[in-house]
Amino acid sequence: MAQAGKGRLNYRCPSCFLRDIDMDMFYDKEKNEYYCLRCQYTGSEADVLEKNQIARMRYRAMMKRFTTFD
């Protein structure tokens, strides 16, 4: 396994993020992919960004105040 190193940006692991665990992913230059040390998730940058966007749906209204529930 390659030496663990941060990528260009700090991406969150989508698998851990769905379980409310804030885990940064590491980048493997040889394989050109990101991986998680906690849950064994691996994926390309596009795959990680797509799945993180899906996970963000949970928090889309976090700063909005709801006064009525229709």
N, C-alpha and C. Protein backbone atom coordinates (compact mmCIF):
# COMPACT_ATOMS: atom_id res chain seq x y z
N MET A 1 0.84 -1.17 0.00
CA MET A 1 0.00 0.00 0.00
C MET A 1 0.89 1.23 0.00
N ALA A 2 0.43 2.26 -0.70
CA ALA A 2 1.19 3.49 -0.77
C ALA A 2 1.14 4.23 0.56
N GLN A 3 2.11 5.09 0.74
CA GLN A 3 2.13 5.93 1.94
C GLN A 3 0.89 6.82 1.93
N ALA A 4 0.19 6.89 3.05
CA ALA A 4 -1.01 7.71 3.13
C ALA A 4 -0.65 9.18 3.02
N GLY A 5 -1.30 9.86 2.12
CA GLY A 5 -1.06 11.28 1.95
C GLY A 5 -2.35 11.98 1.56
N LYS A 6 -2.49 13.21 2.01
CA LYS A 6 -3.69 13.98 1.67
C LYS A 6 -3.65 14.34 0.19
N GLY A 7 -4.81 14.45 -0.40
CA GLY A 7 -4.91 14.85 -1.80
C GLY A 7 -4.86 16.36 -1.91
N ARG A 8 -5.28 16.84 -3.07
CA ARG A 8 -5.28 18.29 -3.29
C ARG A 8 -6.26 18.97 -2.34
N LEU A 9 -7.42 18.38 -2.16
CA LEU A 9 -8.44 18.90 -1.24
C LEU A 9 -8.78 17.82 -0.23
N ASN A 10 -9.33 18.22 0.88
CA ASN A 10 -9.76 17.24 1.88
C ASN A 10 -11.18 16.80 1.55
N TYR A 11 -11.30 15.60 1.01
CA TYR A 11 -12.60 15.03 0.71
C TYR A 11 -13.05 14.16 1.87
N ARG A 12 -14.34 14.16 2.14
CA ARG A 12 -14.91 13.31 3.17
C ARG A 12 -15.27 11.97 2.55
N CYS A 13 -15.10 10.91 3.32
CA CYS A 13 -15.49 9.58 2.85
C CYS A 13 -17.01 9.52 2.77
N PRO A 14 -17.59 9.23 1.61
CA PRO A 14 -19.05 9.19 1.50
C PRO A 14 -19.69 8.10 2.35
N SER A 15 -19.05 6.98 2.45
CA SER A 15 -19.60 5.87 3.25
C SER A 15 -19.64 6.22 4.73
N CYS A 16 -18.57 6.79 5.23
CA CYS A 16 -18.53 7.21 6.64
C CYS A 16 -19.44 8.40 6.89
N PHE A 17 -19.49 9.33 5.93
CA PHE A 17 -20.29 10.54 6.08
C PHE A 17 -21.78 10.22 6.20
N LEU A 18 -22.24 9.19 5.51
CA LEU A 18 -23.64 8.78 5.62
C LEU A 18 -23.96 8.25 7.01
N ARG A 19 -22.94 7.78 7.73
CA ARG A 19 -23.13 7.28 9.09
C ARG A 19 -22.72 8.33 10.13
N ASP A 20 -22.67 9.60 9.70
CA ASP A 20 -22.33 10.74 10.57
C ASP A 20 -20.94 10.63 11.18
N ILE A 21 -20.01 10.08 10.41
CA ILE A 21 -18.60 10.02 10.82
C ILE A 21 -17.82 10.90 9.86
N ASP A 22 -17.11 11.87 10.40
CA ASP A 22 -16.37 12.82 9.58
C ASP A 22 -14.94 12.31 9.39
N MET A 23 -14.74 11.56 8.32
CA MET A 23 -13.44 10.93 8.06
C MET A 23 -12.87 11.46 6.75
N ASP A 24 -11.65 12.01 6.79
CA ASP A 24 -10.98 12.47 5.58
C ASP A 24 -10.47 11.28 4.77
N MET A 25 -10.44 11.47 3.45
CA MET A 25 -9.91 10.43 2.57
C MET A 25 -8.47 10.75 2.22
N PHE A 26 -7.73 9.74 1.84
CA PHE A 26 -6.35 9.89 1.42
C PHE A 26 -6.25 9.57 -0.06
N TYR A 27 -5.21 10.08 -0.69
CA TYR A 27 -5.04 9.95 -2.14
C TYR A 27 -3.85 9.05 -2.45
N ASP A 28 -4.05 8.12 -3.36
CA ASP A 28 -3.00 7.23 -3.83
C ASP A 28 -2.61 7.65 -5.24
N LYS A 29 -1.42 8.22 -5.39
CA LYS A 29 -0.98 8.74 -6.69
C LYS A 29 -0.78 7.61 -7.71
N GLU A 30 -0.32 6.46 -7.27
CA GLU A 30 -0.07 5.35 -8.19
C GLU A 30 -1.35 4.83 -8.83
N LYS A 31 -2.40 4.72 -8.05
CA LYS A 31 -3.68 4.21 -8.55
C LYS A 31 -4.62 5.32 -8.99
N ASN A 32 -4.27 6.58 -8.69
CA ASN A 32 -5.09 7.73 -9.03
C ASN A 32 -6.50 7.61 -8.44
N GLU A 33 -6.57 7.28 -7.15
CA GLU A 33 -7.86 7.13 -6.48
C GLU A 33 -7.75 7.55 -5.02
N TYR A 34 -8.88 7.84 -4.45
CA TYR A 34 -8.97 8.20 -3.03
C TYR A 34 -9.42 6.97 -2.25
N TYR A 35 -8.98 6.88 -0.99
CA TYR A 35 -9.37 5.74 -0.17
C TYR A 35 -9.54 6.18 1.29
N CYS A 36 -10.34 5.41 2.02
CA CYS A 36 -10.63 5.68 3.42
C CYS A 36 -9.91 4.63 4.27
N LEU A 37 -9.27 5.09 5.31
CA LEU A 37 -8.57 4.16 6.21
C LEU A 37 -9.53 3.44 7.15
N ARG A 38 -10.70 4.00 7.37
CA ARG A 38 -11.63 3.44 8.35
C ARG A 38 -12.53 2.35 7.77
N CYS A 39 -13.05 2.58 6.56
CA CYS A 39 -14.07 1.66 6.05
C CYS A 39 -13.69 0.96 4.74
N GLN A 40 -12.51 1.15 4.24
CA GLN A 40 -12.02 0.49 3.02
C GLN A 40 -12.70 0.97 1.75
N TYR A 41 -13.33 2.15 1.77
CA TYR A 41 -13.94 2.71 0.56
C TYR A 41 -12.85 3.25 -0.36
N THR A 42 -12.95 2.98 -1.66
CA THR A 42 -12.03 3.55 -2.65
C THR A 42 -12.85 4.08 -3.81
N GLY A 43 -12.35 5.12 -4.46
CA GLY A 43 -13.05 5.67 -5.61
C GLY A 43 -12.29 6.80 -6.25
N SER A 44 -12.67 7.11 -7.47
CA SER A 44 -12.06 8.21 -8.19
C SER A 44 -12.57 9.53 -7.63
N GLU A 45 -11.95 10.62 -8.05
CA GLU A 45 -12.37 11.94 -7.56
C GLU A 45 -13.81 12.24 -7.95
N ALA A 46 -14.19 11.91 -9.17
CA ALA A 46 -15.55 12.16 -9.63
C ALA A 46 -16.56 11.34 -8.83
N ASP A 47 -16.22 10.10 -8.54
CA ASP A 47 -17.10 9.23 -7.75
C ASP A 47 -17.28 9.77 -6.33
N VAL A 48 -16.21 10.22 -5.72
CA VAL A 48 -16.27 10.76 -4.36
C VAL A 48 -17.12 12.02 -4.33
N LEU A 49 -16.91 12.92 -5.29
CA LEU A 49 -17.69 14.16 -5.33
C LEU A 49 -19.17 13.89 -5.54
N GLU A 50 -19.49 12.94 -6.41
CA GLU A 50 -20.89 12.60 -6.68
C GLU A 50 -21.57 12.04 -5.43
N LYS A 51 -20.91 11.14 -4.75
CA LYS A 51 -21.52 10.53 -3.57
C LYS A 51 -21.57 11.49 -2.38
N ASN A 52 -20.61 12.42 -2.29
CA ASN A 52 -20.68 13.43 -1.23
C ASN A 52 -21.83 14.38 -1.47
N GLN A 53 -22.14 14.68 -2.74
CA GLN A 53 -23.27 15.55 -3.03
C GLN A 53 -24.57 14.87 -2.62
N ILE A 54 -24.68 13.58 -2.81
CA ILE A 54 -25.87 12.83 -2.39
C ILE A 54 -26.00 12.88 -0.87
N ALA A 55 -24.89 12.75 -0.17
CA ALA A 55 -24.92 12.77 1.30
C ALA A 55 -25.28 14.15 1.84
N ARG A 56 -24.97 15.20 1.10
CA ARG A 56 -25.28 16.56 1.55
C ARG A 56 -26.77 16.87 1.53
N MET A 57 -27.57 16.06 0.84
CA MET A 57 -29.02 16.27 0.84
C MET A 57 -29.57 16.23 2.26
N ARG A 58 -28.97 15.46 3.11
CA ARG A 58 -29.42 15.34 4.49
C ARG A 58 -29.34 16.69 5.22
N TYR A 59 -28.37 17.50 4.87
CA TYR A 59 -28.11 18.75 5.58
C TYR A 59 -28.50 19.99 4.80
N ARG A 60 -29.29 19.86 3.72
CA ARG A 60 -29.58 21.02 2.87
C ARG A 60 -30.39 22.09 3.58
N ALA A 61 -31.21 21.74 4.55
CA ALA A 61 -32.04 22.72 5.25
C ALA A 61 -31.58 22.94 6.69
N MET A 62 -30.32 22.68 6.94
CA MET A 62 -29.81 22.76 8.31
C MET A 62 -29.91 24.18 8.87
N MET A 63 -29.68 25.20 8.06
CA MET A 63 -29.70 26.58 8.53
C MET A 63 -31.04 27.26 8.34
N LYS A 64 -32.05 26.56 7.86
CA LYS A 64 -33.36 27.13 7.61
C LYS A 64 -34.24 26.88 8.83
N ARG A 65 -34.98 27.90 9.22
CA ARG A 65 -35.89 27.77 10.36
C ARG A 65 -37.29 27.46 9.85
N PHE A 66 -37.87 26.39 10.33
CA PHE A 66 -39.21 25.99 9.95
C PHE A 66 -40.19 26.45 11.02
N THR A 67 -41.21 27.17 10.59
CA THR A 67 -42.23 27.65 11.53
C THR A 67 -43.57 26.96 11.33
N THR A 68 -43.81 26.43 10.14
CA THR A 68 -45.03 25.68 9.87
C THR A 68 -44.69 24.34 9.26
N PHE A 69 -45.51 23.38 9.53
CA PHE A 69 -45.30 22.04 9.01
C PHE A 69 -46.55 21.62 8.23
N ASP A 70 -46.57 21.97 6.94
CA ASP A 70 -47.74 21.66 6.10
C ASP A 70 -47.63 20.30 5.50
